[in-house]
Amino acid sequence: MGCRMAAETDVSAIILAGGRSSRMGRDKASIVFDGETLLQRTVRAAAEVASEIVLVGAPGQALPAVTAACPVTAVEDAVAGEGPLFGLATGLAVATGSHCLVLGADMPFLQPALLRLLVDRLRGAHAESGARWVVPIAERRPQPLCSAIASDALAILRAHLDAGDRAPMALAADLRLVRLDESVWRGADPEGLSFVDIDTPEALDEAARRLSDKPLP
């Protein structure tokens, strides 16, 4: 195993932990998986790349304690149930990095190499064309909760929220979205492990089987 690469000083990781977890039936961030909460696993992977972690929870939500090799800030959405775009705006408002990872709290197999690739692609695209969001495409679907966004996207994001938009991909054109195809991201995450999320008890069981069947990097 190679040595740990240094975190990027201009990168924050915004972890959205305030979802309703309705299909799971309990708070996903607090579920213990392979000895850690799902939230801690996300924090650990993000801290390999980011120099700051921003946890976004629902109003009054008690998030499980986490540890990281970088500062961790916890904030709450002003209104419950408004969806991931609202939570992202909450996180961007306090993040100090000019480039931000956007991550769900229920992705137990996040690969730091993929997160670093997202940041690198965002940094280059932002400088070259003003693109403000890099979103990987996995199984023909955009993965906005495993993406990278520029902090100066906040004003555009707020304008869309004020207009009533709640679907993340509604921002694609205004943010000059860069889609990261499988042919690109599989070099950093060959099996697409980073996009495994835990939405249901069945998905949790499947993730546990995946863990027991094959040791993960």
Protein backbone atom coordinates (compact mmCIF):
# COMPACT_ATOMS: atom_id res chain seq x y z
CA MET A 1 0.00 0.00 0.00
CA GLY A 2 1.35 3.42 -0.92
CA CYS A 3 1.86 6.23 1.54
CA ARG A 4 -0.97 8.64 2.27
CA MET A 5 -0.93 11.65 -0.04
CA ALA A 6 -1.28 15.07 1.53
CA ALA A 7 -4.72 16.64 1.73
CA GLU A 8 -5.34 19.59 -0.57
CA THR A 9 -5.32 22.93 1.24
CA ASP A 10 -7.92 24.46 -1.12
CA VAL A 11 -10.37 21.56 -0.77
CA SER A 12 -13.31 21.20 1.60
CA ALA A 13 -15.52 18.11 1.78
CA ILE A 14 -19.23 18.76 2.27
CA ILE A 15 -20.96 15.65 3.62
CA LEU A 16 -24.75 15.70 3.42
CA ALA A 17 -26.10 13.75 6.39
CA GLY A 18 -29.56 15.27 6.82
CA GLY A 19 -31.63 13.02 4.57
CA ARG A 20 -34.83 11.52 5.92
CA SER A 21 -33.60 7.89 5.63
CA SER A 22 -37.22 6.90 4.99
CA ARG A 23 -36.40 3.73 3.05
CA MET A 24 -33.84 2.64 5.64
CA GLY A 25 -36.15 3.32 8.57
CA ARG A 26 -33.40 4.76 10.77
CA ASP A 27 -30.67 7.37 10.59
CA LYS A 28 -28.17 6.12 8.02
CA ALA A 29 -25.27 8.25 9.25
CA SER A 30 -25.30 6.41 12.59
CA ILE A 31 -25.39 2.86 11.19
CA VAL A 32 -22.28 0.91 12.21
CA PHE A 33 -20.63 -0.86 9.28
CA ASP A 34 -17.42 -2.84 9.71
CA GLY A 35 -16.73 -1.21 13.07
CA GLU A 36 -17.42 2.41 12.07
CA THR A 37 -20.49 4.51 11.50
CA LEU A 38 -21.26 5.20 7.87
CA LEU A 39 -20.60 8.87 8.57
CA GLN A 40 -17.16 8.13 10.03
CA ARG A 41 -16.25 6.04 6.99
CA THR A 42 -17.18 8.94 4.71
CA VAL A 43 -15.21 11.40 6.86
CA ARG A 44 -12.17 9.13 6.85
CA ALA A 45 -12.11 8.84 3.06
CA ALA A 46 -12.76 12.56 2.54
CA ALA A 47 -9.98 13.56 4.92
CA GLU A 48 -7.49 11.81 2.62
CA VAL A 49 -8.11 14.62 0.12
CA ALA A 50 -9.74 17.57 1.90
CA SER A 51 -8.23 19.85 4.54
CA GLU A 52 -11.66 20.63 6.01
CA ILE A 53 -14.83 18.61 6.57
CA VAL A 54 -18.26 20.25 6.68
CA LEU A 55 -21.08 18.06 8.00
CA VAL A 56 -24.58 19.18 7.05
CA GLY A 57 -27.41 17.78 9.15
CA ALA A 58 -31.14 18.34 9.45
CA PRO A 59 -32.48 20.79 12.02
CA GLY A 60 -32.06 19.25 15.47
CA GLN A 61 -30.36 16.12 14.12
CA ALA A 62 -27.83 14.52 16.47
CA LEU A 63 -24.97 13.37 14.26
CA PRO A 64 -22.66 10.63 15.53
CA ALA A 65 -19.25 11.75 16.74
CA VAL A 66 -16.46 11.60 14.16
CA THR A 67 -12.71 11.98 14.19
CA ALA A 68 -10.55 13.32 11.37
CA ALA A 69 -7.03 14.52 10.68
CA CYS A 70 -8.45 17.92 9.71
CA PRO A 71 -10.96 20.42 11.15
CA VAL A 72 -14.60 19.30 11.18
CA THR A 73 -17.49 21.78 11.21
CA ALA A 74 -21.10 20.71 11.74
CA VAL A 75 -23.95 22.89 10.50
CA GLU A 76 -27.72 22.45 10.23
CA ASP A 77 -30.08 23.20 7.40
CA ALA A 78 -32.41 26.07 8.23
CA VAL A 79 -35.41 24.06 6.97
CA ALA A 80 -35.95 20.30 7.07
CA GLY A 81 -36.80 18.16 4.07
CA GLU A 82 -35.70 20.52 1.30
CA GLY A 83 -33.36 18.03 -0.35
CA PRO A 84 -29.66 17.81 -1.21
CA LEU A 85 -29.40 21.12 -3.08
CA PHE A 86 -30.52 22.98 0.02
CA GLY A 87 -28.01 21.07 2.13
CA LEU A 88 -25.28 21.77 -0.40
CA ALA A 89 -25.98 25.50 -0.22
CA THR A 90 -25.76 25.30 3.57
CA GLY A 91 -22.39 23.59 3.31
CA LEU A 92 -20.98 25.91 0.65
CA ALA A 93 -21.87 28.93 2.78
CA VAL A 94 -19.41 27.86 5.48
CA ALA A 95 -16.79 25.90 3.52
CA THR A 96 -13.45 27.68 3.21
CA GLY A 97 -12.01 25.71 0.29
CA SER A 98 -12.33 27.02 -3.24
CA HIS A 99 -13.04 23.47 -4.44
CA CYS A 100 -15.49 21.23 -2.57
CA LEU A 101 -16.25 17.54 -2.63
CA VAL A 102 -19.97 16.79 -2.34
CA LEU A 103 -20.61 13.47 -0.64
CA GLY A 104 -23.49 11.51 0.81
CA ALA A 105 -23.09 10.11 4.30
CA ASP A 106 -24.09 6.58 3.26
CA MET A 107 -21.30 5.58 0.85
CA PRO A 108 -19.13 3.04 2.71
CA PHE A 109 -16.59 2.30 -0.02
CA LEU A 110 -15.48 5.77 -1.14
CA GLN A 111 -12.08 5.63 -2.81
CA PRO A 112 -9.79 8.59 -2.06
CA ALA A 113 -8.17 8.20 -5.49
CA LEU A 114 -11.52 8.92 -7.13
CA LEU A 115 -12.14 11.91 -4.86
CA ARG A 116 -8.75 13.32 -5.77
CA LEU A 117 -9.51 12.80 -9.47
CA LEU A 118 -12.77 14.75 -9.10
CA VAL A 119 -10.95 17.66 -7.48
CA ASP A 120 -8.18 17.65 -10.07
CA ARG A 121 -10.68 17.66 -12.94
CA LEU A 122 -12.67 20.47 -11.32
CA ARG A 123 -9.56 22.55 -10.74
CA GLY A 124 -8.54 22.24 -14.39
CA ALA A 125 -12.01 22.75 -15.86
CA HIS A 126 -12.71 25.75 -13.63
CA ALA A 127 -9.51 27.44 -14.71
CA GLU A 128 -9.95 26.65 -18.41
CA SER A 129 -13.66 27.16 -19.05
CA GLY A 130 -15.30 28.39 -15.87
CA ALA A 131 -16.93 25.00 -15.24
CA ARG A 132 -18.06 24.79 -11.64
CA TRP A 133 -19.20 21.19 -11.20
CA VAL A 134 -17.73 17.80 -12.07
CA VAL A 135 -20.13 14.86 -11.79
CA PRO A 136 -19.21 11.26 -12.59
CA ILE A 137 -21.58 9.11 -14.64
CA ALA A 138 -22.01 5.56 -13.34
CA GLU A 139 -24.44 3.02 -14.77
CA ARG A 140 -25.64 5.79 -17.10
CA ARG A 141 -26.71 7.99 -14.19
CA PRO A 142 -25.15 11.18 -12.81
CA GLN A 143 -23.74 10.82 -9.30
CA PRO A 144 -24.17 14.31 -7.75
CA LEU A 145 -23.55 12.99 -4.22
CA CYS A 146 -20.05 11.90 -5.20
CA SER A 147 -18.93 14.98 -7.10
CA ALA A 148 -16.85 18.14 -6.88
CA ILE A 149 -18.12 21.72 -7.05
CA ALA A 150 -16.49 25.14 -6.99
CA SER A 151 -17.32 27.30 -3.98
CA ASP A 152 -18.19 30.22 -6.26
CA ALA A 153 -21.19 28.22 -7.47
CA LEU A 154 -23.09 29.28 -4.32
CA ALA A 155 -24.75 32.34 -5.84
CA ILE A 156 -26.04 30.30 -8.80
CA LEU A 157 -27.22 27.57 -6.47
CA ARG A 158 -29.13 30.03 -4.31
CA ALA A 159 -30.78 31.56 -7.38
CA HIS A 160 -32.05 28.14 -8.42
CA LEU A 161 -33.32 27.41 -4.93
CA ASP A 162 -35.14 30.74 -4.87
CA ALA A 163 -36.74 29.76 -8.18
CA GLY A 164 -38.00 26.54 -6.67
CA ASP A 165 -35.52 24.12 -8.20
CA ARG A 166 -34.71 21.11 -6.03
CA ALA A 167 -33.34 18.60 -8.58
CA PRO A 168 -29.52 18.73 -8.57
CA MET A 169 -29.19 18.35 -12.33
CA ALA A 170 -31.32 21.47 -12.88
CA LEU A 171 -28.08 23.40 -12.31
CA ALA A 172 -26.13 21.60 -15.03
CA ALA A 173 -26.21 24.28 -17.70
CA ASP A 174 -25.60 27.28 -15.44
CA LEU A 175 -22.69 25.55 -13.71
CA ARG A 176 -21.21 24.33 -17.02
CA LEU A 177 -21.36 20.81 -15.71
CA VAL A 178 -18.51 18.48 -16.68
CA ARG A 179 -19.61 14.84 -16.89
CA LEU A 180 -16.90 12.37 -15.97
CA ASP A 181 -17.41 9.21 -18.01
CA GLU A 182 -16.62 5.71 -16.82
CA SER A 183 -13.66 5.50 -19.18
CA VAL A 184 -12.07 8.26 -17.11
CA TRP A 185 -13.02 7.51 -13.52
CA ARG A 186 -12.45 3.75 -13.67
CA GLY A 187 -8.73 4.42 -13.68
CA ALA A 188 -9.12 5.65 -10.10
CA ASP A 189 -11.92 3.32 -8.99
CA PRO A 190 -12.00 0.26 -11.27
CA GLU A 191 -15.07 -1.36 -9.69
CA GLY A 192 -17.06 1.80 -9.07
CA LEU A 193 -17.05 1.15 -5.34
CA SER A 194 -17.39 4.82 -4.52
CA PHE A 195 -20.94 4.88 -5.90
CA VAL A 196 -22.28 2.13 -3.63
CA ASP A 197 -24.80 3.76 -1.30
CA ILE A 198 -26.88 2.37 1.54
CA ASP A 199 -30.52 3.38 1.10
CA THR A 200 -32.31 0.26 2.33
CA PRO A 201 -31.76 -2.66 4.73
CA GLU A 202 -31.26 -4.84 1.65
CA ALA A 203 -28.52 -2.53 0.36
CA LEU A 204 -26.83 -2.72 3.78
CA ASP A 205 -26.90 -6.53 3.65
CA GLU A 206 -25.48 -6.50 0.13
CA ALA A 207 -22.66 -4.16 1.18
CA ALA A 208 -21.84 -6.48 4.07
CA ARG A 209 -21.67 -9.42 1.67
CA ARG A 210 -19.42 -7.44 -0.64
CA LEU A 211 -17.10 -6.70 2.27
CA SER A 212 -16.90 -10.33 3.38
CA ASP A 213 -16.48 -11.73 -0.14
CA LYS A 214 -13.57 -9.57 -1.15
CA PRO A 215 -11.21 -7.37 0.89
CA LEU A 216 -11.46 -3.78 -0.30
CA PRO A 217 -8.50 -1.48 -1.04
